[in-house]
Amino acid sequence: MIKLYGGARSRASIVRWYLEELAIPYEFVLLDMSVGEHLKPDFLKLNPFGKVPTLVDGDFALSESGAILLYLHQKYSGEILSIEQQAILTQWTLFANSTLANGIFTETSRAKELPKLMAPLNEMLSKHPYLLGDRFSVVDVAVGAILIYIPLMLKLDLSAYPAVVNYIESMSDRPACKIGMS
């Protein structure tokens, strides 16, 4: 059985959301970061940096939420993708974890970056319900989770981007998201 190690308010919730979407049985191990459970020798054997999330699938351990999402997709989604299609998934996942997250959560550049990020997303999402068109995919978890953090943590005014607001609501309403992101 897959084990997912995470802390309260960590990106492990993103991985949990995708595990729920895939309906894969897993055990969630909540580490109490405030008392250093992530720095104990047993956990450091899995992730020498002492960071969460960390996923263990059999004898294989992997950290970094984006890498875990892509691994789960490749191993468990049942989709056979071309190298180009895989690259698109990687592009969006890296966008979520670096460009989008930094643009939203780096306060010093947020005012400048937010319109540059939200305007193109709004345009794309005004044409299709999901980032890759008419079907939900792993990139909706990667990007959707970061966007969901906006109303939860930052309370930014997104009224100029109604398609993004609708997307956030749509992603938040998914049963797997409600479980994973709780």
N, C-alpha and C. Protein backbone atom coordinates (compact mmCIF):
# COMPACT_ATOMS: atom_id res chain seq x y z
N MET A 1 0.84 -1.18 0.00
CA MET A 1 0.00 0.00 0.00
C MET A 1 0.89 1.25 0.00
N ILE A 2 0.44 2.25 -0.70
CA ILE A 2 1.15 3.53 -0.76
C ILE A 2 1.03 4.22 0.60
N LYS A 3 2.14 4.82 1.02
CA LYS A 3 2.13 5.67 2.21
C LYS A 3 2.50 7.08 1.77
N LEU A 4 1.75 8.03 2.24
CA LEU A 4 2.03 9.43 1.97
C LEU A 4 2.29 10.12 3.30
N TYR A 5 3.47 10.68 3.43
CA TYR A 5 3.85 11.42 4.62
C TYR A 5 3.63 12.90 4.37
N GLY A 6 3.01 13.55 5.33
CA GLY A 6 2.75 14.98 5.19
C GLY A 6 2.61 15.65 6.52
N GLY A 7 2.61 16.95 6.49
CA GLY A 7 2.40 17.75 7.67
C GLY A 7 1.12 18.55 7.52
N ALA A 8 0.68 19.10 8.61
CA ALA A 8 -0.49 19.97 8.56
C ALA A 8 -0.16 21.16 7.66
N ARG A 9 -1.09 21.51 6.80
CA ARG A 9 -0.92 22.66 5.90
C ARG A 9 0.32 22.51 5.02
N SER A 10 0.50 21.34 4.47
CA SER A 10 1.63 21.11 3.56
C SER A 10 1.10 20.74 2.18
N ARG A 11 1.99 20.66 1.23
CA ARG A 11 1.60 20.28 -0.13
C ARG A 11 1.24 18.80 -0.24
N ALA A 12 1.31 18.09 0.86
CA ALA A 12 0.83 16.70 0.85
C ALA A 12 -0.65 16.67 0.50
N SER A 13 -1.37 17.74 0.82
CA SER A 13 -2.80 17.78 0.49
C SER A 13 -3.03 17.70 -1.02
N ILE A 14 -2.11 18.26 -1.80
CA ILE A 14 -2.23 18.19 -3.26
C ILE A 14 -2.12 16.75 -3.72
N VAL A 15 -1.17 16.03 -3.15
CA VAL A 15 -0.98 14.62 -3.51
C VAL A 15 -2.17 13.80 -3.04
N ARG A 16 -2.67 14.08 -1.85
CA ARG A 16 -3.86 13.37 -1.36
C ARG A 16 -5.02 13.56 -2.31
N TRP A 17 -5.20 14.77 -2.80
CA TRP A 17 -6.28 15.05 -3.75
C TRP A 17 -6.14 14.14 -4.95
N TYR A 18 -4.95 14.04 -5.51
CA TYR A 18 -4.79 13.22 -6.71
C TYR A 18 -4.94 11.73 -6.40
N LEU A 19 -4.45 11.29 -5.26
CA LEU A 19 -4.67 9.89 -4.87
C LEU A 19 -6.16 9.58 -4.79
N GLU A 20 -6.92 10.51 -4.25
CA GLU A 20 -8.37 10.35 -4.17
C GLU A 20 -8.99 10.32 -5.56
N GLU A 21 -8.54 11.19 -6.47
CA GLU A 21 -9.05 11.19 -7.85
C GLU A 21 -8.80 9.85 -8.52
N LEU A 22 -7.63 9.28 -8.28
CA LEU A 22 -7.28 8.00 -8.89
C LEU A 22 -7.90 6.80 -8.16
N ALA A 23 -8.50 7.05 -7.00
CA ALA A 23 -9.10 6.00 -6.16
C ALA A 23 -8.08 4.92 -5.81
N ILE A 24 -6.89 5.37 -5.46
CA ILE A 24 -5.82 4.45 -5.05
C ILE A 24 -5.84 4.36 -3.53
N PRO A 25 -5.85 3.14 -3.00
CA PRO A 25 -5.74 3.02 -1.53
C PRO A 25 -4.38 3.53 -1.06
N TYR A 26 -4.39 4.27 0.01
CA TYR A 26 -3.16 4.80 0.57
C TYR A 26 -3.33 5.03 2.06
N GLU A 27 -2.22 5.13 2.73
CA GLU A 27 -2.21 5.49 4.14
C GLU A 27 -1.58 6.86 4.25
N PHE A 28 -2.25 7.77 4.92
CA PHE A 28 -1.69 9.09 5.15
C PHE A 28 -1.05 9.13 6.52
N VAL A 29 0.22 9.46 6.56
CA VAL A 29 0.95 9.54 7.82
C VAL A 29 1.20 11.02 8.10
N LEU A 30 0.48 11.54 9.07
CA LEU A 30 0.59 12.94 9.44
C LEU A 30 1.76 13.10 10.41
N LEU A 31 2.77 13.83 9.97
CA LEU A 31 3.92 14.10 10.82
C LEU A 31 3.72 15.41 11.56
N ASP A 32 4.04 15.41 12.83
CA ASP A 32 3.95 16.64 13.61
C ASP A 32 5.27 17.39 13.44
N MET A 33 5.25 18.31 12.51
CA MET A 33 6.46 19.06 12.17
C MET A 33 6.90 19.95 13.35
N SER A 34 5.96 20.35 14.17
CA SER A 34 6.31 21.25 15.27
C SER A 34 7.19 20.59 16.32
N VAL A 35 7.15 19.26 16.37
CA VAL A 35 8.01 18.54 17.31
C VAL A 35 9.13 17.79 16.59
N GLY A 36 9.28 18.04 15.31
CA GLY A 36 10.41 17.49 14.57
C GLY A 36 10.28 16.05 14.10
N GLU A 37 9.06 15.55 13.96
CA GLU A 37 8.91 14.17 13.48
C GLU A 37 9.51 13.98 12.09
N HIS A 38 9.56 15.04 11.30
CA HIS A 38 10.14 14.97 9.96
C HIS A 38 11.66 14.93 9.97
N LEU A 39 12.25 15.08 11.14
CA LEU A 39 13.71 15.07 11.27
C LEU A 39 14.22 13.82 11.98
N LYS A 40 13.34 12.90 12.27
CA LYS A 40 13.74 11.65 12.93
C LYS A 40 14.44 10.74 11.93
N PRO A 41 15.36 9.93 12.40
CA PRO A 41 16.17 9.09 11.50
C PRO A 41 15.36 8.22 10.54
N ASP A 42 14.26 7.65 10.98
CA ASP A 42 13.46 6.79 10.09
C ASP A 42 12.91 7.58 8.90
N PHE A 43 12.43 8.79 9.16
CA PHE A 43 11.91 9.59 8.06
C PHE A 43 13.04 10.12 7.18
N LEU A 44 14.16 10.48 7.77
CA LEU A 44 15.29 10.98 6.99
C LEU A 44 15.86 9.92 6.05
N LYS A 45 15.62 8.66 6.35
CA LYS A 45 16.01 7.59 5.41
C LYS A 45 15.17 7.66 4.14
N LEU A 46 13.93 8.10 4.27
CA LEU A 46 13.04 8.25 3.11
C LEU A 46 13.31 9.56 2.37
N ASN A 47 13.54 10.60 3.12
CA ASN A 47 13.79 11.91 2.54
C ASN A 47 14.86 12.62 3.38
N PRO A 48 16.10 12.57 2.91
CA PRO A 48 17.19 13.13 3.71
C PRO A 48 17.09 14.63 3.96
N PHE A 49 16.21 15.32 3.24
CA PHE A 49 16.01 16.74 3.46
C PHE A 49 14.97 17.01 4.55
N GLY A 50 14.27 15.96 4.99
CA GLY A 50 13.28 16.12 6.04
C GLY A 50 12.07 16.93 5.61
N LYS A 51 11.71 16.83 4.34
CA LYS A 51 10.60 17.61 3.80
C LYS A 51 9.40 16.71 3.47
N VAL A 52 8.24 17.33 3.47
CA VAL A 52 7.03 16.64 3.05
C VAL A 52 6.44 17.42 1.89
N PRO A 53 5.70 16.76 1.03
CA PRO A 53 5.29 15.35 1.10
C PRO A 53 6.40 14.41 0.64
N THR A 54 6.30 13.21 1.15
CA THR A 54 7.11 12.09 0.68
C THR A 54 6.15 10.92 0.50
N LEU A 55 6.27 10.28 -0.64
CA LEU A 55 5.42 9.14 -0.97
C LEU A 55 6.28 7.89 -0.99
N VAL A 56 5.78 6.81 -0.42
CA VAL A 56 6.45 5.52 -0.47
C VAL A 56 5.50 4.53 -1.15
N ASP A 57 5.97 3.96 -2.24
CA ASP A 57 5.21 2.97 -3.01
C ASP A 57 6.08 1.72 -3.09
N GLY A 58 5.79 0.78 -2.21
CA GLY A 58 6.65 -0.40 -2.12
C GLY A 58 8.02 0.00 -1.59
N ASP A 59 9.06 -0.30 -2.36
CA ASP A 59 10.43 0.06 -1.96
C ASP A 59 10.87 1.41 -2.53
N PHE A 60 9.97 2.09 -3.22
CA PHE A 60 10.30 3.33 -3.89
C PHE A 60 9.81 4.53 -3.08
N ALA A 61 10.70 5.47 -2.80
CA ALA A 61 10.34 6.70 -2.09
C ALA A 61 10.59 7.89 -3.00
N LEU A 62 9.69 8.86 -2.94
CA LEU A 62 9.78 10.04 -3.80
C LEU A 62 9.26 11.25 -3.04
N SER A 63 9.94 12.37 -3.21
CA SER A 63 9.46 13.61 -2.61
C SER A 63 9.23 14.65 -3.70
N GLU A 64 8.78 15.81 -3.30
CA GLU A 64 8.39 16.92 -4.17
C GLU A 64 7.01 16.64 -4.77
N SER A 65 6.06 17.47 -4.42
CA SER A 65 4.67 17.22 -4.80
C SER A 65 4.49 17.08 -6.31
N GLY A 66 5.14 17.90 -7.10
CA GLY A 66 5.00 17.81 -8.55
C GLY A 66 5.52 16.50 -9.10
N ALA A 67 6.68 16.08 -8.62
CA ALA A 67 7.25 14.81 -9.06
C ALA A 67 6.34 13.65 -8.66
N ILE A 68 5.77 13.74 -7.48
CA ILE A 68 4.86 12.68 -7.02
C ILE A 68 3.62 12.63 -7.90
N LEU A 69 3.05 13.79 -8.22
CA LEU A 69 1.87 13.82 -9.09
C LEU A 69 2.16 13.16 -10.43
N LEU A 70 3.29 13.52 -11.04
CA LEU A 70 3.64 12.96 -12.34
C LEU A 70 3.90 11.45 -12.26
N TYR A 71 4.55 11.02 -11.19
CA TYR A 71 4.78 9.59 -10.98
C TYR A 71 3.44 8.84 -10.86
N LEU A 72 2.55 9.35 -10.03
CA LEU A 72 1.26 8.69 -9.86
C LEU A 72 0.49 8.64 -11.17
N HIS A 73 0.54 9.71 -11.92
CA HIS A 73 -0.15 9.74 -13.20
C HIS A 73 0.41 8.67 -14.13
N GLN A 74 1.73 8.65 -14.23
CA GLN A 74 2.35 7.70 -15.16
C GLN A 74 2.11 6.25 -14.73
N LYS A 75 2.15 5.99 -13.45
CA LYS A 75 2.02 4.61 -12.98
C LYS A 75 0.57 4.14 -12.85
N TYR A 76 -0.33 5.04 -12.43
CA TYR A 76 -1.66 4.59 -12.04
C TYR A 76 -2.82 5.12 -12.86
N SER A 77 -2.62 6.09 -13.73
CA SER A 77 -3.76 6.67 -14.44
C SER A 77 -4.29 5.78 -15.56
N GLY A 78 -3.45 4.90 -16.06
CA GLY A 78 -3.85 4.05 -17.18
C GLY A 78 -3.71 4.72 -18.53
N GLU A 79 -3.29 5.97 -18.54
CA GLU A 79 -3.10 6.69 -19.81
C GLU A 79 -1.73 6.37 -20.41
N ILE A 80 -1.71 6.13 -21.68
CA ILE A 80 -0.46 5.97 -22.42
C ILE A 80 -0.26 7.27 -23.19
N LEU A 81 0.82 7.97 -22.88
CA LEU A 81 1.05 9.28 -23.47
C LEU A 81 2.31 9.29 -24.32
N SER A 82 2.29 10.13 -25.33
CA SER A 82 3.50 10.36 -26.12
C SER A 82 4.48 11.19 -25.29
N ILE A 83 5.69 11.25 -25.72
CA ILE A 83 6.70 12.07 -25.04
C ILE A 83 6.26 13.54 -25.02
N GLU A 84 5.62 13.99 -26.07
CA GLU A 84 5.14 15.37 -26.13
C GLU A 84 4.01 15.61 -25.12
N GLN A 85 3.10 14.65 -25.02
CA GLN A 85 2.01 14.79 -24.05
C GLN A 85 2.55 14.77 -22.62
N GLN A 86 3.54 13.91 -22.36
CA GLN A 86 4.17 13.88 -21.04
C GLN A 86 4.85 15.22 -20.74
N ALA A 87 5.47 15.79 -21.76
CA ALA A 87 6.15 17.08 -21.58
C ALA A 87 5.15 18.17 -21.22
N ILE A 88 3.97 18.14 -21.82
CA ILE A 88 2.93 19.12 -21.49
C ILE A 88 2.51 18.99 -20.02
N LEU A 89 2.34 17.75 -19.55
CA LEU A 89 1.99 17.54 -18.14
C LEU A 89 3.10 18.07 -17.24
N THR A 90 4.33 17.82 -17.61
CA THR A 90 5.47 18.30 -16.84
C THR A 90 5.51 19.83 -16.85
N GLN A 91 5.28 20.41 -18.02
CA GLN A 91 5.28 21.88 -18.14
C GLN A 91 4.28 22.50 -17.17
N TRP A 92 3.05 22.00 -17.18
CA TRP A 92 2.02 22.56 -16.32
C TRP A 92 2.32 22.33 -14.84
N THR A 93 2.86 21.17 -14.51
CA THR A 93 3.17 20.86 -13.11
C THR A 93 4.28 21.77 -12.61
N LEU A 94 5.31 21.96 -13.43
CA LEU A 94 6.39 22.88 -13.05
C LEU A 94 5.88 24.32 -12.98
N PHE A 95 5.01 24.69 -13.90
CA PHE A 95 4.39 26.02 -13.86
C PHE A 95 3.68 26.22 -12.53
N ALA A 96 2.89 25.23 -12.11
CA ALA A 96 2.15 25.34 -10.86
C ALA A 96 3.08 25.53 -9.67
N ASN A 97 4.10 24.68 -9.60
CA ASN A 97 4.97 24.66 -8.42
C ASN A 97 6.00 25.78 -8.40
N SER A 98 6.30 26.35 -9.54
CA SER A 98 7.31 27.41 -9.53
C SER A 98 6.70 28.75 -9.96
N THR A 99 6.38 28.91 -11.21
CA THR A 99 5.91 30.20 -11.72
C THR A 99 4.65 30.68 -11.00
N LEU A 100 3.63 29.84 -10.96
CA LEU A 100 2.36 30.25 -10.35
C LEU A 100 2.49 30.45 -8.84
N ALA A 101 3.07 29.47 -8.17
CA ALA A 101 3.20 29.57 -6.71
C ALA A 101 4.04 30.78 -6.32
N ASN A 102 5.16 30.99 -7.00
CA ASN A 102 5.99 32.15 -6.68
C ASN A 102 5.27 33.46 -6.99
N GLY A 103 4.56 33.50 -8.11
CA GLY A 103 3.84 34.71 -8.47
C GLY A 103 2.74 35.08 -7.49
N ILE A 104 2.13 34.07 -6.91
CA ILE A 104 1.04 34.30 -5.97
C ILE A 104 1.54 34.53 -4.54
N PHE A 105 2.51 33.75 -4.12
CA PHE A 105 2.91 33.77 -2.71
C PHE A 105 4.10 34.66 -2.39
N THR A 106 4.79 35.18 -3.39
CA THR A 106 5.89 36.12 -3.13
C THR A 106 5.29 37.52 -3.09
N GLU A 107 5.13 38.02 -1.89
CA GLU A 107 4.40 39.26 -1.69
C GLU A 107 5.03 40.44 -2.43
N THR A 108 6.34 40.48 -2.51
CA THR A 108 7.00 41.64 -3.11
C THR A 108 6.74 41.77 -4.61
N SER A 109 6.43 40.66 -5.28
CA SER A 109 6.19 40.73 -6.71
C SER A 109 4.75 40.39 -7.11
N ARG A 110 3.91 40.13 -6.14
CA ARG A 110 2.54 39.69 -6.41
C ARG A 110 1.75 40.68 -7.27
N ALA A 111 1.78 41.94 -6.95
CA ALA A 111 0.99 42.93 -7.69
C ALA A 111 1.38 42.95 -9.16
N LYS A 112 2.65 42.78 -9.46
CA LYS A 112 3.13 42.78 -10.84
C LYS A 112 2.83 41.46 -11.54
N GLU A 113 3.01 40.35 -10.84
CA GLU A 113 2.90 39.02 -11.43
C GLU A 113 1.46 38.52 -11.57
N LEU A 114 0.61 38.87 -10.63
CA LEU A 114 -0.75 38.32 -10.65
C LEU A 114 -1.48 38.56 -11.97
N PRO A 115 -1.50 39.77 -12.52
CA PRO A 115 -2.18 39.96 -13.80
C PRO A 115 -1.53 39.17 -14.94
N LYS A 116 -0.22 39.05 -14.92
CA LYS A 116 0.50 38.30 -15.96
C LYS A 116 0.14 36.81 -15.93
N LEU A 117 -0.20 36.32 -14.77
CA LEU A 117 -0.55 34.91 -14.62
C LEU A 117 -2.05 34.68 -14.80
N MET A 118 -2.85 35.53 -14.19
CA MET A 118 -4.29 35.31 -14.19
C MET A 118 -4.94 35.61 -15.54
N ALA A 119 -4.47 36.62 -16.26
CA ALA A 119 -5.10 36.97 -17.54
C ALA A 119 -5.02 35.82 -18.54
N PRO A 120 -3.85 35.20 -18.76
CA PRO A 120 -3.81 34.07 -19.70
C PRO A 120 -4.61 32.86 -19.19
N LEU A 121 -4.54 32.60 -17.88
CA LEU A 121 -5.33 31.49 -17.34
C LEU A 121 -6.82 31.76 -17.53
N ASN A 122 -7.23 32.98 -17.29
CA ASN A 122 -8.64 33.33 -17.47
C ASN A 122 -9.07 33.12 -18.92
N GLU A 123 -8.23 33.52 -19.85
CA GLU A 123 -8.52 33.34 -21.28
C GLU A 123 -8.67 31.86 -21.61
N MET A 124 -7.73 31.04 -21.16
CA MET A 124 -7.78 29.59 -21.44
C MET A 124 -9.03 28.96 -20.83
N LEU A 125 -9.29 29.31 -19.57
CA LEU A 125 -10.40 28.69 -18.85
C LEU A 125 -11.76 29.22 -19.29
N SER A 126 -11.77 30.32 -20.03
CA SER A 126 -13.04 30.80 -20.57
C SER A 126 -13.46 29.99 -21.79
N LYS A 127 -12.52 29.24 -22.36
CA LYS A 127 -12.79 28.42 -23.54
C LYS A 127 -13.06 26.96 -23.22
N HIS A 128 -12.49 26.47 -22.12
CA HIS A 128 -12.61 25.06 -21.75
C HIS A 128 -12.72 24.95 -20.23
N PRO A 129 -13.36 23.90 -19.75
CA PRO A 129 -13.51 23.77 -18.31
C PRO A 129 -12.23 23.35 -17.59
N TYR A 130 -11.27 22.76 -18.32
CA TYR A 130 -10.04 22.27 -17.72
C TYR A 130 -8.85 22.81 -18.50
N LEU A 131 -7.69 22.73 -17.92
CA LEU A 131 -6.51 23.31 -18.54
C LEU A 131 -6.13 22.65 -19.85
N LEU A 132 -6.39 21.36 -19.98
CA LEU A 132 -6.05 20.66 -21.22
C LEU A 132 -7.26 20.48 -22.13
N GLY A 133 -8.31 21.21 -21.85
CA GLY A 133 -9.48 21.12 -22.72
C GLY A 133 -10.72 20.68 -21.99
N ASP A 134 -11.32 19.59 -22.47
CA ASP A 134 -12.59 19.13 -21.93
C ASP A 134 -12.48 17.97 -20.96
N ARG A 135 -11.25 17.62 -20.56
CA ARG A 135 -11.12 16.53 -19.60
C ARG A 135 -10.23 16.93 -18.44
N PHE A 136 -10.63 16.51 -17.28
CA PHE A 136 -9.85 16.73 -16.06
C PHE A 136 -8.57 15.90 -16.13
N SER A 137 -7.47 16.46 -15.63
CA SER A 137 -6.21 15.72 -15.62
C SER A 137 -5.37 16.11 -14.41
N VAL A 138 -4.24 15.47 -14.31
CA VAL A 138 -3.31 15.73 -13.21
C VAL A 138 -2.89 17.20 -13.17
N VAL A 139 -2.83 17.88 -14.30
CA VAL A 139 -2.43 19.28 -14.28
C VAL A 139 -3.49 20.15 -13.61
N ASP A 140 -4.74 19.72 -13.63
CA ASP A 140 -5.77 20.46 -12.92
C ASP A 140 -5.58 20.34 -11.41
N VAL A 141 -5.04 19.23 -10.96
CA VAL A 141 -4.71 19.09 -9.54
C VAL A 141 -3.53 20.01 -9.21
N ALA A 142 -2.49 19.96 -10.02
CA ALA A 142 -1.29 20.76 -9.76
C ALA A 142 -1.61 22.25 -9.74
N VAL A 143 -2.24 22.74 -10.79
CA VAL A 143 -2.55 24.17 -10.90
C VAL A 143 -3.75 24.52 -10.00
N GLY A 144 -4.77 23.68 -10.03
CA GLY A 144 -5.97 23.95 -9.24
C GLY A 144 -5.68 24.09 -7.76
N ALA A 145 -4.80 23.26 -7.24
CA ALA A 145 -4.49 23.32 -5.81
C ALA A 145 -3.84 24.65 -5.45
N ILE A 146 -2.92 25.11 -6.27
CA ILE A 146 -2.28 26.40 -6.00
C ILE A 146 -3.31 27.52 -6.05
N LEU A 147 -4.19 27.46 -7.04
CA LEU A 147 -5.23 28.50 -7.14
C LEU A 147 -6.21 28.44 -5.97
N ILE A 148 -6.51 27.25 -5.50
CA ILE A 148 -7.43 27.09 -4.37
C ILE A 148 -6.87 27.76 -3.12
N TYR A 149 -5.55 27.81 -3.01
CA TYR A 149 -4.93 28.46 -1.85
C TYR A 149 -5.22 29.97 -1.81
N ILE A 150 -5.50 30.57 -2.95
CA ILE A 150 -5.72 32.03 -2.98
C ILE A 150 -6.87 32.43 -2.06
N PRO A 151 -8.08 31.91 -2.25
CA PRO A 151 -9.15 32.34 -1.33
C PRO A 151 -8.97 31.81 0.09
N LEU A 152 -8.26 30.71 0.25
CA LEU A 152 -8.06 30.14 1.58
C LEU A 152 -7.05 30.93 2.40
N MET A 153 -6.00 31.40 1.74
CA MET A 153 -4.89 31.99 2.48
C MET A 153 -4.68 33.49 2.23
N LEU A 154 -5.02 33.97 1.04
CA LEU A 154 -4.62 35.33 0.69
C LEU A 154 -5.77 36.30 0.53
N LYS A 155 -6.94 35.80 0.22
CA LYS A 155 -8.12 36.67 0.05
C LYS A 155 -7.87 37.76 -1.00
N LEU A 156 -7.23 37.39 -2.11
CA LEU A 156 -6.99 38.34 -3.19
C LEU A 156 -8.26 38.54 -4.01
N ASP A 157 -8.41 39.73 -4.55
CA ASP A 157 -9.56 40.03 -5.40
C ASP A 157 -9.29 39.48 -6.81
N LEU A 158 -10.03 38.46 -7.18
CA LEU A 158 -9.90 37.84 -8.50
C LEU A 158 -11.10 38.15 -9.40
N SER A 159 -11.89 39.15 -9.03
CA SER A 159 -13.11 39.43 -9.78
C SER A 159 -12.84 39.79 -11.25
N ALA A 160 -11.66 40.25 -11.57
CA ALA A 160 -11.33 40.56 -12.96
C ALA A 160 -11.08 39.30 -13.78
N TYR A 161 -11.08 38.16 -13.13
CA TYR A 161 -10.78 36.87 -13.78
C TYR A 161 -11.89 35.86 -13.49
N PRO A 162 -13.09 36.10 -14.02
CA PRO A 162 -14.24 35.25 -13.66
C PRO A 162 -14.06 33.79 -14.03
N ALA A 163 -13.38 33.48 -15.13
CA ALA A 163 -13.18 32.07 -15.49
C ALA A 163 -12.26 31.38 -14.49
N VAL A 164 -11.29 32.11 -13.96
CA VAL A 164 -10.41 31.55 -12.92
C VAL A 164 -11.21 31.31 -11.64
N VAL A 165 -12.05 32.27 -11.28
CA VAL A 165 -12.89 32.11 -10.09
C VAL A 165 -13.80 30.89 -10.26
N ASN A 166 -14.42 30.74 -11.41
CA ASN A 166 -15.28 29.58 -11.66
C ASN A 166 -14.49 28.28 -11.60
N TYR A 167 -13.29 28.30 -12.13
CA TYR A 167 -12.41 27.12 -12.10
C TYR A 167 -12.07 26.75 -10.66
N ILE A 168 -11.71 27.73 -9.86
CA ILE A 168 -11.39 27.47 -8.45
C ILE A 168 -12.60 26.84 -7.76
N GLU A 169 -13.78 27.37 -8.01
CA GLU A 169 -15.00 26.82 -7.41
C GLU A 169 -15.26 25.40 -7.90
N SER A 170 -15.07 25.18 -9.20
CA SER A 170 -15.28 23.86 -9.79
C SER A 170 -14.30 22.83 -9.20
N MET A 171 -13.05 23.22 -9.09
CA MET A 171 -12.05 22.30 -8.52
C MET A 171 -12.36 22.03 -7.05
N SER A 172 -12.72 23.08 -6.33
CA SER A 172 -13.02 22.94 -4.89
C SER A 172 -14.23 22.05 -4.64
N ASP A 173 -15.15 21.99 -5.60
CA ASP A 173 -16.36 21.17 -5.45
C ASP A 173 -16.14 19.69 -5.76
N ARG A 174 -14.99 19.35 -6.30
CA ARG A 174 -14.74 17.94 -6.61
C ARG A 174 -14.64 17.15 -5.31
N PRO A 175 -15.35 16.01 -5.20
CA PRO A 175 -15.30 15.23 -3.96
C PRO A 175 -13.88 14.86 -3.53
N ALA A 176 -13.03 14.49 -4.49
CA ALA A 176 -11.66 14.12 -4.15
C ALA A 176 -10.88 15.31 -3.61
N CYS A 177 -11.16 16.49 -4.13
CA CYS A 177 -10.50 17.71 -3.64
C CYS A 177 -10.94 17.99 -2.21
N LYS A 178 -12.20 17.83 -1.93
CA LYS A 178 -12.71 18.09 -0.59
C LYS A 178 -12.03 17.18 0.44
N ILE A 179 -11.75 15.95 0.05
CA ILE A 179 -11.08 15.02 0.96
C ILE A 179 -9.60 15.38 1.05
N GLY A 180 -8.96 15.51 -0.10
CA GLY A 180 -7.52 15.72 -0.12
C GLY A 180 -7.07 17.04 0.44
N MET A 181 -7.78 18.09 0.13
CA MET A 181 -7.37 19.43 0.53
C MET A 181 -7.90 19.82 1.91
N SER A 182 -8.55 18.89 2.60
CA SER A 182 -9.11 19.21 3.92
C SER A 182 -8.03 19.24 4.99
